């Protein structure tokens, strides 16, 4: 995918590197960038170690500023990379990897900018490869955005201190991913600056598309083109849905109400219940490059009656491409695809009268 515009995130990170004196790998980072701990830690002085972080699976104490950082599950490597810290090992990309090298393009570009070799890539196709993680001899394991079970956490904790998600599996918003993972490596202040830079990117791009403001939107889950008898959607517990608010969009009442009665990040409704989505202005979700799924939905006797489908205010992402992957916002992906994603949603919003 072609890079839509220069990344302020990387500019901010470069400035942080100059201040922190960081080098090329997590084994050689300077100790001078230790950060101030905040609400999720019990340390009281700036940059103090040992550092204690509470999360959904327990309490983790990191005895000293980590020199060898490993990450597991989706996107946890992006926060340290954005701050100039190259993990000794991280999960290989298993979705949206268009060239099969285990790296998403924004990660590959960041490694190139840091003149760093690709870290050990953990194959998580069948779950966490604990032996591979242990072989990297990490000082800390980052998993602020993850689906760790208690057993996963306990096993990883035998290898190194583990930072898990704060509340629920796969439900950590992108800002909190950065805050938790940057705190764990002693770079909380730098993490806050990184967040500010990404927020600036978002504000700049969204300002170009005022037609988005206040429009309601639903993120549709994967639909089997051979079975359109039901439609799935992500709830307000999912980061894809939460990201809409960053773009000036709103979550329709139908999705908000459905989300109240569950802690699941996705739900389904039968095609006979499509009137539930009458308050949805825009639908986005995962489709295919050829647009065959959208064509099938548009011709289906029931799904074609969804108001957003009827008026054409639907944008389906190519799910096998990086753009589809990046709809789930992560520290490095946001600025990479922001222009393309927001522009496409704005074009769908133009069809809402």
C-alpha atoms as a PDB file:
ATOM      1  CA  UNK A   1       0.000   0.000   0.000  1.00  0.00           C
ATOM      2  CA  UNK A   2       1.289   3.417  -0.889  1.00  0.00           C
ATOM      3  CA  UNK A   3       2.107   5.657   2.016  1.00  0.00           C
ATOM      4  CA  UNK A   4      -0.509   8.452   1.995  1.00  0.00           C
ATOM      5  CA  UNK A   5       1.462  11.139   3.765  1.00  0.00           C
ATOM      6  CA  UNK A   6       4.468  11.724   6.007  1.00  0.00           C
ATOM      7  CA  UNK A   7       4.055  10.370   9.504  1.00  0.00           C
ATOM      8  CA  UNK A   8       4.106  12.882  12.290  1.00  0.00           C
ATOM      9  CA  UNK A   9       4.357   9.914  14.635  1.00  0.00           C
ATOM     10  CA  UNK A  10       7.801   9.139  13.304  1.00  0.00           C
ATOM     11  CA  UNK A  11       8.886  12.756  13.453  1.00  0.00           C
ATOM     12  CA  UNK A  12       7.853  12.895  17.086  1.00  0.00           C
ATOM     13  CA  UNK A  13       9.615   9.617  17.757  1.00  0.00           C
ATOM     14  CA  UNK A  14      12.789  10.847  16.085  1.00  0.00           C
ATOM     15  CA  UNK A  15      12.801  13.886  18.340  1.00  0.00           C
ATOM     16  CA  UNK A  16      12.328  11.620  21.339  1.00  0.00           C
ATOM     17  CA  UNK A  17      15.266   9.511  20.257  1.00  0.00           C
ATOM     18  CA  UNK A  18      17.489  12.564  20.101  1.00  0.00           C
ATOM     19  CA  UNK A  19      16.500  13.491  23.634  1.00  0.00           C
ATOM     20  CA  UNK A  20      16.648   9.981  25.048  1.00  0.00           C
ATOM     21  CA  UNK A  21      19.831   8.954  23.297  1.00  0.00           C
ATOM     22  CA  UNK A  22      18.316   5.661  22.168  1.00  0.00           C
ATOM     23  CA  UNK A  23      20.154   3.290  19.869  1.00  0.00           C
ATOM     24  CA  UNK A  24      19.073   0.531  17.534  1.00  0.00           C
ATOM     25  CA  UNK A  25      17.954  -2.410  19.719  1.00  0.00           C
ATOM     26  CA  UNK A  26      16.317  -3.041  23.057  1.00  0.00           C
ATOM     27  CA  UNK A  27      19.646  -4.341  24.358  1.00  0.00           C
ATOM     28  CA  UNK A  28      21.446  -1.003  23.976  1.00  0.00           C
ATOM     29  CA  UNK A  29      18.954   1.649  25.047  1.00  0.00           C
ATOM     30  CA  UNK A  30      20.089   4.548  27.205  1.00  0.00           C
ATOM     31  CA  UNK A  31      18.878   4.678  30.790  1.00  0.00           C
ATOM     32  CA  UNK A  32      18.322   8.448  30.518  1.00  0.00           C
ATOM     33  CA  UNK A  33      14.753   8.290  29.164  1.00  0.00           C
ATOM     34  CA  UNK A  34      13.084   6.884  32.293  1.00  0.00           C
ATOM     35  CA  UNK A  35       9.541   8.197  32.585  1.00  0.00           C
ATOM     36  CA  UNK A  36       7.177   9.387  35.284  1.00  0.00           C
ATOM     37  CA  UNK A  37       4.816   6.693  36.514  1.00  0.00           C
ATOM     38  CA  UNK A  38       1.126   7.578  36.740  1.00  0.00           C
ATOM     39  CA  UNK A  39      -2.196   6.072  37.804  1.00  0.00           C
ATOM     40  CA  UNK A  40      -1.561   2.513  36.661  1.00  0.00           C
ATOM     41  CA  UNK A  41       1.708   2.244  38.589  1.00  0.00           C
ATOM     42  CA  UNK A  42       2.512   2.409  42.246  1.00  0.00           C
ATOM     43  CA  UNK A  43       5.949   3.968  41.830  1.00  0.00           C
ATOM     44  CA  UNK A  44       5.941   7.555  43.029  1.00  0.00           C
ATOM     45  CA  UNK A  45       9.138   9.081  41.698  1.00  0.00           C
ATOM     46  CA  UNK A  46       9.946   9.941  38.087  1.00  0.00           C
ATOM     47  CA  UNK A  47      11.483   7.027  36.204  1.00  0.00           C
ATOM     48  CA  UNK A  48      11.737   4.932  39.360  1.00  0.00           C
ATOM     49  CA  UNK A  49      12.376   1.209  39.272  1.00  0.00           C
ATOM     50  CA  UNK A  50      11.260  -1.196  40.513  1.00  0.00           C
ATOM     51  CA  UNK A  51       8.022  -0.283  38.753  1.00  0.00           C
ATOM     52  CA  UNK A  52       4.720  -1.941  39.657  1.00  0.00           C
ATOM     53  CA  UNK A  53       1.835  -2.098  37.182  1.00  0.00           C
ATOM     54  CA  UNK A  54      -1.616  -3.450  37.959  1.00  0.00           C
ATOM     55  CA  UNK A  55      -3.665  -5.062  35.190  1.00  0.00           C
ATOM     56  CA  UNK A  56      -6.542  -7.490  34.671  1.00  0.00           C
ATOM     57  CA  UNK A  57      -4.467 -10.602  35.245  1.00  0.00           C
ATOM     58  CA  UNK A  58      -2.484  -9.510  38.283  1.00  0.00           C
ATOM     59  CA  UNK A  59       0.221  -7.145  39.457  1.00  0.00           C
ATOM     60  CA  UNK A  60       3.575  -6.993  37.718  1.00  0.00           C
ATOM     61  CA  UNK A  61       6.782  -5.640  39.182  1.00  0.00           C
ATOM     62  CA  UNK A  62       9.570  -4.719  36.783  1.00  0.00           C
ATOM     63  CA  UNK A  63      12.774  -4.585  38.857  1.00  0.00           C
ATOM     64  CA  UNK A  64      14.909  -2.445  36.543  1.00  0.00           C
ATOM     65  CA  UNK A  65      14.633  -0.549  33.280  1.00  0.00           C
ATOM     66  CA  UNK A  66      14.341  -3.295  30.642  1.00  0.00           C
ATOM     67  CA  UNK A  67      17.170  -3.733  28.178  1.00  0.00           C
ATOM     68  CA  UNK A  68      15.623  -6.676  26.319  1.00  0.00           C
ATOM     69  CA  UNK A  69      11.971  -6.126  25.380  1.00  0.00           C
ATOM     70  CA  UNK A  70       9.765  -8.877  23.959  1.00  0.00           C
ATOM     71  CA  UNK A  71       6.150  -8.500  22.890  1.00  0.00           C
ATOM     72  CA  UNK A  72       3.386 -11.000  22.201  1.00  0.00           C
ATOM     73  CA  UNK A  73       0.047 -10.825  20.417  1.00  0.00           C
ATOM     74  CA  UNK A  74      -1.117  -8.034  18.169  1.00  0.00           C
ATOM     75  CA  UNK A  75       0.674  -4.664  17.828  1.00  0.00           C
ATOM     76  CA  UNK A  76       2.409  -4.457  21.215  1.00  0.00           C
ATOM     77  CA  UNK A  77       5.739  -4.037  19.446  1.00  0.00           C
ATOM     78  CA  UNK A  78       4.537  -0.808  17.820  1.00  0.00           C
ATOM     79  CA  UNK A  79       4.790   1.424  20.900  1.00  0.00           C
ATOM     80  CA  UNK A  80       8.423   0.596  21.680  1.00  0.00           C
ATOM     81  CA  UNK A  81       9.332   0.763  17.982  1.00  0.00           C
ATOM     82  CA  UNK A  82       7.752   4.200  17.675  1.00  0.00           C
ATOM     83  CA  UNK A  83       9.926   5.265  20.611  1.00  0.00           C
ATOM     84  CA  UNK A  84      13.074   3.783  19.096  1.00  0.00           C
ATOM     85  CA  UNK A  85      13.219   0.565  21.085  1.00  0.00           C
ATOM     86  CA  UNK A  86      13.504  -2.527  18.906  1.00  0.00           C
ATOM     87  CA  UNK A  87      12.138  -5.670  20.569  1.00  0.00           C
ATOM     88  CA  UNK A  88      14.311  -8.775  20.730  1.00  0.00           C
ATOM     89  CA  UNK A  89      11.209 -10.707  19.688  1.00  0.00           C
ATOM     90  CA  UNK A  90       7.630  -9.971  18.646  1.00  0.00           C
ATOM     91  CA  UNK A  91       4.596 -11.660  17.114  1.00  0.00           C
ATOM     92  CA  UNK A  92       4.630 -12.173  13.351  1.00  0.00           C
ATOM     93  CA  UNK A  93       1.757 -10.495  11.518  1.00  0.00           C
ATOM     94  CA  UNK A  94      -0.897 -13.076  10.729  1.00  0.00           C
ATOM     95  CA  UNK A  95      -3.494 -10.797   9.105  1.00  0.00           C
ATOM     96  CA  UNK A  96      -3.040  -8.198   6.383  1.00  0.00           C
ATOM     97  CA  UNK A  97       0.553  -9.215   5.678  1.00  0.00           C
ATOM     98  CA  UNK A  98       0.466  -8.704   1.912  1.00  0.00           C
ATOM     99  CA  UNK A  99       4.011  -9.911   1.189  1.00  0.00           C
ATOM    100  CA  UNK A 100       4.257 -12.790   3.648  1.00  0.00           C
ATOM    101  CA  UNK A 101       7.317 -11.563   5.551  1.00  0.00           C
ATOM    102  CA  UNK A 102       5.546 -11.404   8.909  1.00  0.00           C
ATOM    103  CA  UNK A 103       5.749  -7.600   9.031  1.00  0.00           C
ATOM    104  CA  UNK A 104       3.068  -5.035   8.313  1.00  0.00           C
ATOM    105  CA  UNK A 105       4.346  -2.164   6.146  1.00  0.00           C
ATOM    106  CA  UNK A 106       4.398   0.499   8.853  1.00  0.00           C
ATOM    107  CA  UNK A 107       6.470  -1.827  11.053  1.00  0.00           C
ATOM    108  CA  UNK A 108       8.843  -2.642   8.226  1.00  0.00           C
ATOM    109  CA  UNK A 109       9.323   1.053   7.491  1.00  0.00           C
ATOM    110  CA  UNK A 110      10.028   1.837  11.133  1.00  0.00           C
ATOM    111  CA  UNK A 111      12.666  -0.894  11.333  1.00  0.00           C
ATOM    112  CA  UNK A 112      14.284   0.536   8.208  1.00  0.00           C
ATOM    113  CA  UNK A 113      14.314   4.023   9.709  1.00  0.00           C
ATOM    114  CA  UNK A 114      15.977   2.667  12.827  1.00  0.00           C
ATOM    115  CA  UNK A 115      18.456   0.720  10.671  1.00  0.00           C
ATOM    116  CA  UNK A 116      17.510  -2.326  12.679  1.00  0.00           C
ATOM    117  CA  UNK A 117      17.317  -5.957  11.725  1.00  0.00           C
ATOM    118  CA  UNK A 118      13.982  -7.745  11.950  1.00  0.00           C
ATOM    119  CA  UNK A 119      13.529  -9.109  15.479  1.00  0.00           C
ATOM    120  CA  UNK A 120      12.775 -12.754  16.136  1.00  0.00           C
ATOM    121  CA  UNK A 121       9.214 -13.268  14.906  1.00  0.00           C
ATOM    122  CA  UNK A 122       7.021 -15.492  17.060  1.00  0.00           C
ATOM    123  CA  UNK A 123       4.612 -17.682  15.097  1.00  0.00           C
ATOM    124  CA  UNK A 124       1.331 -17.398  17.006  1.00  0.00           C
ATOM    125  CA  UNK A 125      -0.813 -19.289  14.510  1.00  0.00           C
ATOM    126  CA  UNK A 126      -1.543 -21.918  17.166  1.00  0.00           C
ATOM    127  CA  UNK A 127      -1.084 -19.690  20.195  1.00  0.00           C
ATOM    128  CA  UNK A 128       1.908 -18.185  21.946  1.00  0.00           C
ATOM    129  CA  UNK A 129       5.206 -19.944  21.320  1.00  0.00           C
ATOM    130  CA  UNK A 130       6.471 -19.842  24.899  1.00  0.00           C
ATOM    131  CA  UNK A 131       9.736 -21.552  24.075  1.00  0.00           C
ATOM    132  CA  UNK A 132      10.547 -19.008  21.360  1.00  0.00           C
ATOM    133  CA  UNK A 133       9.752 -16.155  23.732  1.00  0.00           C
ATOM    134  CA  UNK A 134      11.998 -17.654  26.402  1.00  0.00           C
ATOM    135  CA  UNK A 135      14.825 -18.072  23.893  1.00  0.00           C
ATOM    136  CA  UNK A 136      14.961 -14.272  23.394  1.00  0.00           C
ATOM    137  CA  UNK A 137      15.777 -13.856  27.122  1.00  0.00           C
ATOM    138  CA  UNK A 138      13.571 -10.794  27.666  1.00  0.00           C
ATOM    139  CA  UNK A 139      13.597  -8.500  30.690  1.00  0.00           C
ATOM    140  CA  UNK A 140       9.928  -7.661  30.126  1.00  0.00           C
ATOM    141  CA  UNK A 141       7.078  -8.967  27.962  1.00  0.00           C
ATOM    142  CA  UNK A 142       4.584  -6.408  26.666  1.00  0.00           C
ATOM    143  CA  UNK A 143       0.973  -7.495  26.093  1.00  0.00           C
ATOM    144  CA  UNK A 144      -1.171  -4.461  26.901  1.00  0.00           C
ATOM    145  CA  UNK A 145      -3.328  -5.267  23.862  1.00  0.00           C
ATOM    146  CA  UNK A 146      -3.778  -9.015  23.848  1.00  0.00           C
ATOM    147  CA  UNK A 147      -5.978 -12.002  24.452  1.00  0.00           C
ATOM    148  CA  UNK A 148      -3.839 -13.577  27.164  1.00  0.00           C
ATOM    149  CA  UNK A 149      -5.542 -16.138  29.365  1.00  0.00           C
ATOM    150  CA  UNK A 150      -4.568 -16.449  32.986  1.00  0.00           C
ATOM    151  CA  UNK A 151      -2.619 -19.576  32.079  1.00  0.00           C
ATOM    152  CA  UNK A 152      -0.792 -17.712  29.288  1.00  0.00           C
ATOM    153  CA  UNK A 153       0.072 -14.938  31.708  1.00  0.00           C
ATOM    154  CA  UNK A 154       1.309 -17.318  34.399  1.00  0.00           C
ATOM    155  CA  UNK A 155       3.481 -19.215  31.911  1.00  0.00           C
ATOM    156  CA  UNK A 156       4.971 -16.026  30.446  1.00  0.00           C
ATOM    157  CA  UNK A 157       5.575 -14.681  33.954  1.00  0.00           C
ATOM    158  CA  UNK A 158       7.955 -17.587  34.543  1.00  0.00           C
ATOM    159  CA  UNK A 159      10.044 -16.111  31.710  1.00  0.00           C
ATOM    160  CA  UNK A 160       9.914 -12.379  32.550  1.00  0.00           C
ATOM    161  CA  UNK A 161       7.572  -9.742  34.022  1.00  0.00           C
ATOM    162  CA  UNK A 162       4.455  -9.445  31.862  1.00  0.00           C
ATOM    163  CA  UNK A 163       2.286  -6.347  31.293  1.00  0.00           C
ATOM    164  CA  UNK A 164      -1.216  -7.545  30.371  1.00  0.00           C
ATOM    165  CA  UNK A 165      -4.353  -5.643  29.377  1.00  0.00           C
ATOM    166  CA  UNK A 166      -5.872  -3.276  31.951  1.00  0.00           C
ATOM    167  CA  UNK A 167      -9.504  -4.452  31.832  1.00  0.00           C
ATOM    168  CA  UNK A 168     -10.485  -6.984  29.178  1.00  0.00           C
ATOM    169  CA  UNK A 169      -8.897  -9.064  26.433  1.00  0.00           C
ATOM    170  CA  UNK A 170      -8.587  -7.285  23.058  1.00  0.00           C
ATOM    171  CA  UNK A 171     -10.259  -4.155  24.433  1.00  0.00           C
ATOM    172  CA  UNK A 172      -7.356  -1.787  25.135  1.00  0.00           C
ATOM    173  CA  UNK A 173      -7.717   1.544  23.268  1.00  0.00           C
ATOM    174  CA  UNK A 174      -4.675   2.706  21.300  1.00  0.00           C
ATOM    175  CA  UNK A 175      -3.765   5.480  23.723  1.00  0.00           C
ATOM    176  CA  UNK A 176      -3.739   3.041  26.616  1.00  0.00           C
ATOM    177  CA  UNK A 177      -1.634   0.582  24.603  1.00  0.00           C
ATOM    178  CA  UNK A 178       0.983   3.301  24.312  1.00  0.00           C
ATOM    179  CA  UNK A 179       0.689   4.419  27.941  1.00  0.00           C
ATOM    180  CA  UNK A 180       1.044   0.952  29.443  1.00  0.00           C
ATOM    181  CA  UNK A 181       3.748  -0.332  27.131  1.00  0.00           C
ATOM    182  CA  UNK A 182       5.802   2.856  27.313  1.00  0.00           C
ATOM    183  CA  UNK A 183       5.595   2.940  31.115  1.00  0.00           C
ATOM    184  CA  UNK A 184       6.814  -0.620  31.290  1.00  0.00           C
ATOM    185  CA  UNK A 185      10.023   0.296  29.460  1.00  0.00           C
ATOM    186  CA  UNK A 186      10.609   3.469  31.442  1.00  0.00           C
ATOM    187  CA  UNK A 187       9.440   5.882  28.710  1.00  0.00           C
ATOM    188  CA  UNK A 188       6.047   7.113  29.942  1.00  0.00           C
ATOM    189  CA  UNK A 189       6.738  10.777  29.176  1.00  0.00           C
ATOM    190  CA  UNK A 190       7.862   9.890  25.665  1.00  0.00           C
ATOM    191  CA  UNK A 191       4.714   7.803  25.266  1.00  0.00           C
ATOM    192  CA  UNK A 192       2.568  10.802  26.146  1.00  0.00           C
ATOM    193  CA  UNK A 193       4.351  12.861  23.483  1.00  0.00           C
ATOM    194  CA  UNK A 194       3.757  10.077  20.982  1.00  0.00           C
ATOM    195  CA  UNK A 195       0.028  10.146  21.766  1.00  0.00           C
ATOM    196  CA  UNK A 196      -0.035  13.918  21.299  1.00  0.00           C
ATOM    197  CA  UNK A 197       1.614  13.546  17.898  1.00  0.00           C
ATOM    198  CA  UNK A 198      -0.911  10.972  16.713  1.00  0.00           C
ATOM    199  CA  UNK A 199      -3.767  13.108  18.033  1.00  0.00           C
ATOM    200  CA  UNK A 200      -2.370  15.947  15.945  1.00  0.00           C
ATOM    201  CA  UNK A 201      -2.365  13.769  12.832  1.00  0.00           C
ATOM    202  CA  UNK A 202      -5.965  12.762  13.466  1.00  0.00           C
ATOM    203  CA  UNK A 203      -7.119  16.348  13.979  1.00  0.00           C
ATOM    204  CA  UNK A 204      -5.393  17.512  10.802  1.00  0.00           C
ATOM    205  CA  UNK A 205      -6.923  14.818   8.611  1.00  0.00           C
ATOM    206  CA  UNK A 206     -10.421  14.883  10.117  1.00  0.00           C
ATOM    207  CA  UNK A 207     -10.599  18.665   9.653  1.00  0.00           C
ATOM    208  CA  UNK A 208     -10.546  18.083   5.884  1.00  0.00           C
ATOM    209  CA  UNK A 209     -13.797  16.131   6.015  1.00  0.00           C
ATOM    210  CA  UNK A 210     -16.448  18.060   7.967  1.00  0.00           C
ATOM    211  CA  UNK A 211     -19.195  15.849   6.514  1.00  0.00           C
ATOM    212  CA  UNK A 212     -18.169  13.129   8.974  1.00  0.00           C
ATOM    213  CA  UNK A 213     -19.039  15.119  12.074  1.00  0.00           C
ATOM    214  CA  UNK A 214     -21.972  13.608  13.943  1.00  0.00           C
ATOM    215  CA  UNK A 215     -22.682  10.823  11.446  1.00  0.00           C
ATOM    216  CA  UNK A 216     -23.481   7.477  13.035  1.00  0.00           C
ATOM    217  CA  UNK A 217     -21.458   4.466  11.955  1.00  0.00           C
ATOM    218  CA  UNK A 218     -21.332   0.712  12.459  1.00  0.00           C
ATOM    219  CA  UNK A 219     -18.342  -1.576  11.925  1.00  0.00           C
ATOM    220  CA  UNK A 220     -19.550  -4.833  10.388  1.00  0.00           C
ATOM    221  CA  UNK A 221     -17.652  -8.025  11.173  1.00  0.00           C
ATOM    222  CA  UNK A 222     -16.619 -10.548   8.530  1.00  0.00           C
ATOM    223  CA  UNK A 223     -19.605 -11.800   6.565  1.00  0.00           C
ATOM    224  CA  UNK A 224     -19.583 -15.143   4.802  1.00  0.00           C
ATOM    225  CA  UNK A 225     -20.572 -14.329   1.215  1.00  0.00           C
ATOM    226  CA  UNK A 226     -22.147 -17.776   1.017  1.00  0.00           C
ATOM    227  CA  UNK A 227     -24.360 -17.114   4.007  1.00  0.00           C
ATOM    228  CA  UNK A 228     -25.853 -13.657   4.447  1.00  0.00           C
ATOM    229  CA  UNK A 229     -28.602 -14.844   6.770  1.00  0.00           C
ATOM    230  CA  UNK A 230     -27.090 -12.800   9.582  1.00  0.00           C
ATOM    231  CA  UNK A 231     -24.993  -9.713  10.034  1.00  0.00           C
ATOM    232  CA  UNK A 232     -22.319  -9.180  12.667  1.00  0.00           C
ATOM    233  CA  UNK A 233     -21.058  -5.949  14.190  1.00  0.00           C
ATOM    234  CA  UNK A 234     -18.424  -4.826  16.673  1.00  0.00           C
ATOM    235  CA  UNK A 235     -19.715  -3.524  19.988  1.00  0.00           C
ATOM    236  CA  UNK A 236     -18.628  -0.454  21.906  1.00  0.00           C
ATOM    237  CA  UNK A 237     -16.121  -2.678  23.720  1.00  0.00           C
ATOM    238  CA  UNK A 238     -14.047  -3.068  20.567  1.00  0.00           C
ATOM    239  CA  UNK A 239     -11.272  -0.689  19.578  1.00  0.00           C
ATOM    240  CA  UNK A 240     -12.487  -0.449  15.972  1.00  0.00           C
ATOM    241  CA  UNK A 241     -15.757   1.025  17.183  1.00  0.00           C
ATOM    242  CA  UNK A 242     -14.119   3.241  19.798  1.00  0.00           C
ATOM    243  CA  UNK A 243     -11.869   4.763  17.128  1.00  0.00           C
ATOM    244  CA  UNK A 244     -14.875   6.285  15.348  1.00  0.00           C
ATOM    245  CA  UNK A 245     -15.188   8.866  18.117  1.00  0.00           C
ATOM    246  CA  UNK A 246     -11.644  10.053  17.339  1.00  0.00           C
ATOM    247  CA  UNK A 247     -12.870  10.760  13.809  1.00  0.00           C
ATOM    248  CA  UNK A 248     -15.834  12.885  14.910  1.00  0.00           C
ATOM    249  CA  UNK A 249     -18.327  10.104  14.219  1.00  0.00           C
ATOM    250  CA  UNK A 250     -20.942   8.765  16.631  1.00  0.00           C
ATOM    251  CA  UNK A 251     -22.011   5.301  17.712  1.00  0.00           C
ATOM    252  CA  UNK A 252     -25.676   4.692  16.854  1.00  0.00           C
ATOM    253  CA  UNK A 253     -28.112   3.893  19.644  1.00  0.00           C
ATOM    254  CA  UNK A 254     -28.743   0.421  18.255  1.00  0.00           C
ATOM    255  CA  UNK A 255     -25.105  -0.532  18.754  1.00  0.00           C
ATOM    256  CA  UNK A 256     -24.814   1.217  22.121  1.00  0.00           C
ATOM    257  CA  UNK A 257     -27.885  -0.519  23.509  1.00  0.00           C
ATOM    258  CA  UNK A 258     -26.842  -3.932  22.241  1.00  0.00           C
ATOM    259  CA  UNK A 259     -23.418  -3.432  23.806  1.00  0.00           C
ATOM    260  CA  UNK A 260     -24.806  -2.723  27.258  1.00  0.00           C
ATOM    261  CA  UNK A 261     -25.939  -6.264  27.832  1.00  0.00           C
ATOM    262  CA  UNK A 262     -22.670  -7.990  27.041  1.00  0.00           C
ATOM    263  CA  UNK A 263     -18.917  -7.828  27.452  1.00  0.00           C
ATOM    264  CA  UNK A 264     -18.370  -9.378  24.011  1.00  0.00           C
ATOM    265  CA  UNK A 265     -16.619  -7.326  21.373  1.00  0.00           C
ATOM    266  CA  UNK A 266     -18.883  -8.541  18.562  1.00  0.00           C
ATOM    267  CA  UNK A 267     -22.504  -9.623  18.178  1.00  0.00           C
ATOM    268  CA  UNK A 268     -24.700 -10.914  15.384  1.00  0.00           C
ATOM    269  CA  UNK A 269     -28.275 -10.298  14.347  1.00  0.00           C
ATOM    270  CA  UNK A 270     -30.361 -12.264  11.888  1.00  0.00           C
ATOM    271  CA  UNK A 271     -31.217 -10.672   8.557  1.00  0.00           C
ATOM    272  CA  UNK A 272     -34.840 -10.500   9.723  1.00  0.00           C
ATOM    273  CA  UNK A 273     -33.766  -7.955  12.359  1.00  0.00           C
ATOM    274  CA  UNK A 274     -32.198  -5.437   9.985  1.00  0.00           C
ATOM    275  CA  UNK A 275     -34.591  -2.686  11.043  1.00  0.00           C
ATOM    276  CA  UNK A 276     -32.425  -2.418  14.170  1.00  0.00           C
ATOM    277  CA  UNK A 277     -29.900  -0.602  12.000  1.00  0.00           C
ATOM    278  CA  UNK A 278     -32.226   2.138  10.779  1.00  0.00           C
ATOM    279  CA  UNK A 279     -30.248   4.628  12.893  1.00  0.00           C
ATOM    280  CA  UNK A 280     -26.955   3.792  11.153  1.00  0.00           C
ATOM    281  CA  UNK A 281     -25.766   6.422   8.653  1.00  0.00           C
ATOM    282  CA  UNK A 282     -22.605   4.643   7.509  1.00  0.00           C
ATOM    283  CA  UNK A 283     -21.541   1.002   7.500  1.00  0.00           C
ATOM    284  CA  UNK A 284     -17.943  -0.058   7.205  1.00  0.00           C
ATOM    285  CA  UNK A 285     -16.391  -3.455   7.707  1.00  0.00           C
ATOM    286  CA  UNK A 286     -14.408  -6.158   5.989  1.00  0.00           C
ATOM    287  CA  UNK A 287     -15.022  -6.990   2.363  1.00  0.00           C
ATOM    288  CA  UNK A 288     -12.914  -7.966  -0.615  1.00  0.00           C
ATOM    289  CA  UNK A 289     -10.911  -6.139  -3.252  1.00  0.00           C
ATOM    290  CA  UNK A 290     -13.357  -6.930  -6.034  1.00  0.00           C
ATOM    291  CA  UNK A 291     -16.390  -5.691  -4.123  1.00  0.00           C
ATOM    292  CA  UNK A 292     -18.193  -9.010  -4.516  1.00  0.00           C
ATOM    293  CA  UNK A 293     -19.446  -9.095  -0.920  1.00  0.00           C
ATOM    294  CA  UNK A 294     -20.956  -5.630  -1.124  1.00  0.00           C
ATOM    295  CA  UNK A 295     -22.603  -6.543  -4.431  1.00  0.00           C
ATOM    296  CA  UNK A 296     -24.107  -9.637  -2.838  1.00  0.00           C
ATOM    297  CA  UNK A 297     -25.389  -7.710   0.179  1.00  0.00           C
ATOM    298  CA  UNK A 298     -26.852  -5.053  -2.091  1.00  0.00           C
ATOM    299  CA  UNK A 299     -28.823  -7.704  -3.996  1.00  0.00           C
ATOM    300  CA  UNK A 300     -29.953  -9.724  -0.980  1.00  0.00           C
ATOM    301  CA  UNK A 301     -33.739  -9.423  -0.451  1.00  0.00           C
ATOM    302  CA  UNK A 302     -33.312  -8.580   3.241  1.00  0.00           C
ATOM    303  CA  UNK A 303     -29.893  -6.980   3.732  1.00  0.00           C
ATOM    304  CA  UNK A 304     -30.485  -4.650   0.770  1.00  0.00           C
ATOM    305  CA  UNK A 305     -33.219  -3.004   2.846  1.00  0.00           C
ATOM    306  CA  UNK A 306     -30.765  -1.719   5.445  1.00  0.00           C
ATOM    307  CA  UNK A 307     -30.955   2.029   4.958  1.00  0.00           C
ATOM    308  CA  UNK A 308     -27.183   2.501   4.661  1.00  0.00           C
ATOM    309  CA  UNK A 309     -27.022  -0.246   2.039  1.00  0.00           C
ATOM    310  CA  UNK A 310     -29.993   1.149   0.152  1.00  0.00           C
ATOM    311  CA  UNK A 311     -28.478   4.626  -0.134  1.00  0.00           C
ATOM    312  CA  UNK A 312     -24.955   3.348  -0.794  1.00  0.00           C
ATOM    313  CA  UNK A 313     -23.302   4.778   2.333  1.00  0.00           C
ATOM    314  CA  UNK A 314     -21.218   1.641   2.803  1.00  0.00           C
ATOM    315  CA  UNK A 315     -17.452   1.262   2.607  1.00  0.00           C
ATOM    316  CA  UNK A 316     -15.958  -2.212   2.962  1.00  0.00           C
ATOM    317  CA  UNK A 317     -12.246  -2.555   3.593  1.00  0.00           C
ATOM    318  CA  UNK A 318     -10.069  -5.020   1.671  1.00  0.00           C
ATOM    319  CA  UNK A 319      -9.571  -7.421   4.563  1.00  0.00           C
ATOM    320  CA  UNK A 320      -6.444  -9.099   3.234  1.00  0.00           C
ATOM    321  CA  UNK A 321      -4.611  -5.810   2.740  1.00  0.00           C
ATOM    322  CA  UNK A 322      -2.892  -3.488   5.226  1.00  0.00           C
ATOM    323  CA  UNK A 323      -5.751  -0.975   5.060  1.00  0.00           C
ATOM    324  CA  UNK A 324      -8.144  -3.589   6.390  1.00  0.00           C
ATOM    325  CA  UNK A 325      -5.715  -4.474   9.153  1.00  0.00           C
ATOM    326  CA  UNK A 326      -5.262  -0.874  10.203  1.00  0.00           C
ATOM    327  CA  UNK A 327      -8.944  -0.243  10.819  1.00  0.00           C
ATOM    328  CA  UNK A 328      -8.061  -1.650  14.232  1.00  0.00           C
ATOM    329  CA  UNK A 329      -6.030   1.374  15.427  1.00  0.00           C
ATOM    330  CA  UNK A 330      -2.499   0.767  16.673  1.00  0.00           C
ATOM    331  CA  UNK A 331       0.404   3.122  17.437  1.00  0.00           C
ATOM    332  CA  UNK A 332       2.134   2.926  14.054  1.00  0.00           C
ATOM    333  CA  UNK A 333      -0.788   2.064  11.791  1.00  0.00           C
ATOM    334  CA  UNK A 334      -3.032   5.033  12.535  1.00  0.00           C
ATOM    335  CA  UNK A 335      -1.047   7.720  10.763  1.00  0.00           C
ATOM    336  CA  UNK A 336      -0.108   5.339   7.952  1.00  0.00           C
ATOM    337  CA  UNK A 337      -3.671   4.713   6.730  1.00  0.00           C
ATOM    338  CA  UNK A 338      -5.501   7.651   8.264  1.00  0.00           C
ATOM    339  CA  UNK A 339      -5.863   9.716   5.084  1.00  0.00           C
ATOM    340  CA  UNK A 340      -7.140   6.798   3.014  1.00  0.00           C
ATOM    341  CA  UNK A 341      -9.496   5.507   5.704  1.00  0.00           C
ATOM    342  CA  UNK A 342     -11.035   8.851   6.582  1.00  0.00           C
ATOM    343  CA  UNK A 343     -11.411   9.845   2.935  1.00  0.00           C
ATOM    344  CA  UNK A 344     -13.288   6.622   2.165  1.00  0.00           C
ATOM    345  CA  UNK A 345     -15.611   7.097   5.143  1.00  0.00           C
ATOM    346  CA  UNK A 346     -16.214  10.688   4.072  1.00  0.00           C
ATOM    347  CA  UNK A 347     -17.233   9.528   0.599  1.00  0.00           C
ATOM    348  CA  UNK A 348     -19.758   7.210   2.230  1.00  0.00           C
ATOM    349  CA  UNK A 349     -20.957  10.088   4.431  1.00  0.00           C
ATOM    350  CA  UNK A 350     -21.583  12.187   1.308  1.00  0.00           C
ATOM    351  CA  UNK A 351     -24.386   9.788   0.414  1.00  0.00           C
ATOM    352  CA  UNK A 352     -26.243  10.390   3.676  1.00  0.00           C
ATOM    353  CA  UNK A 353     -28.940  12.973   3.137  1.00  0.00           C
END
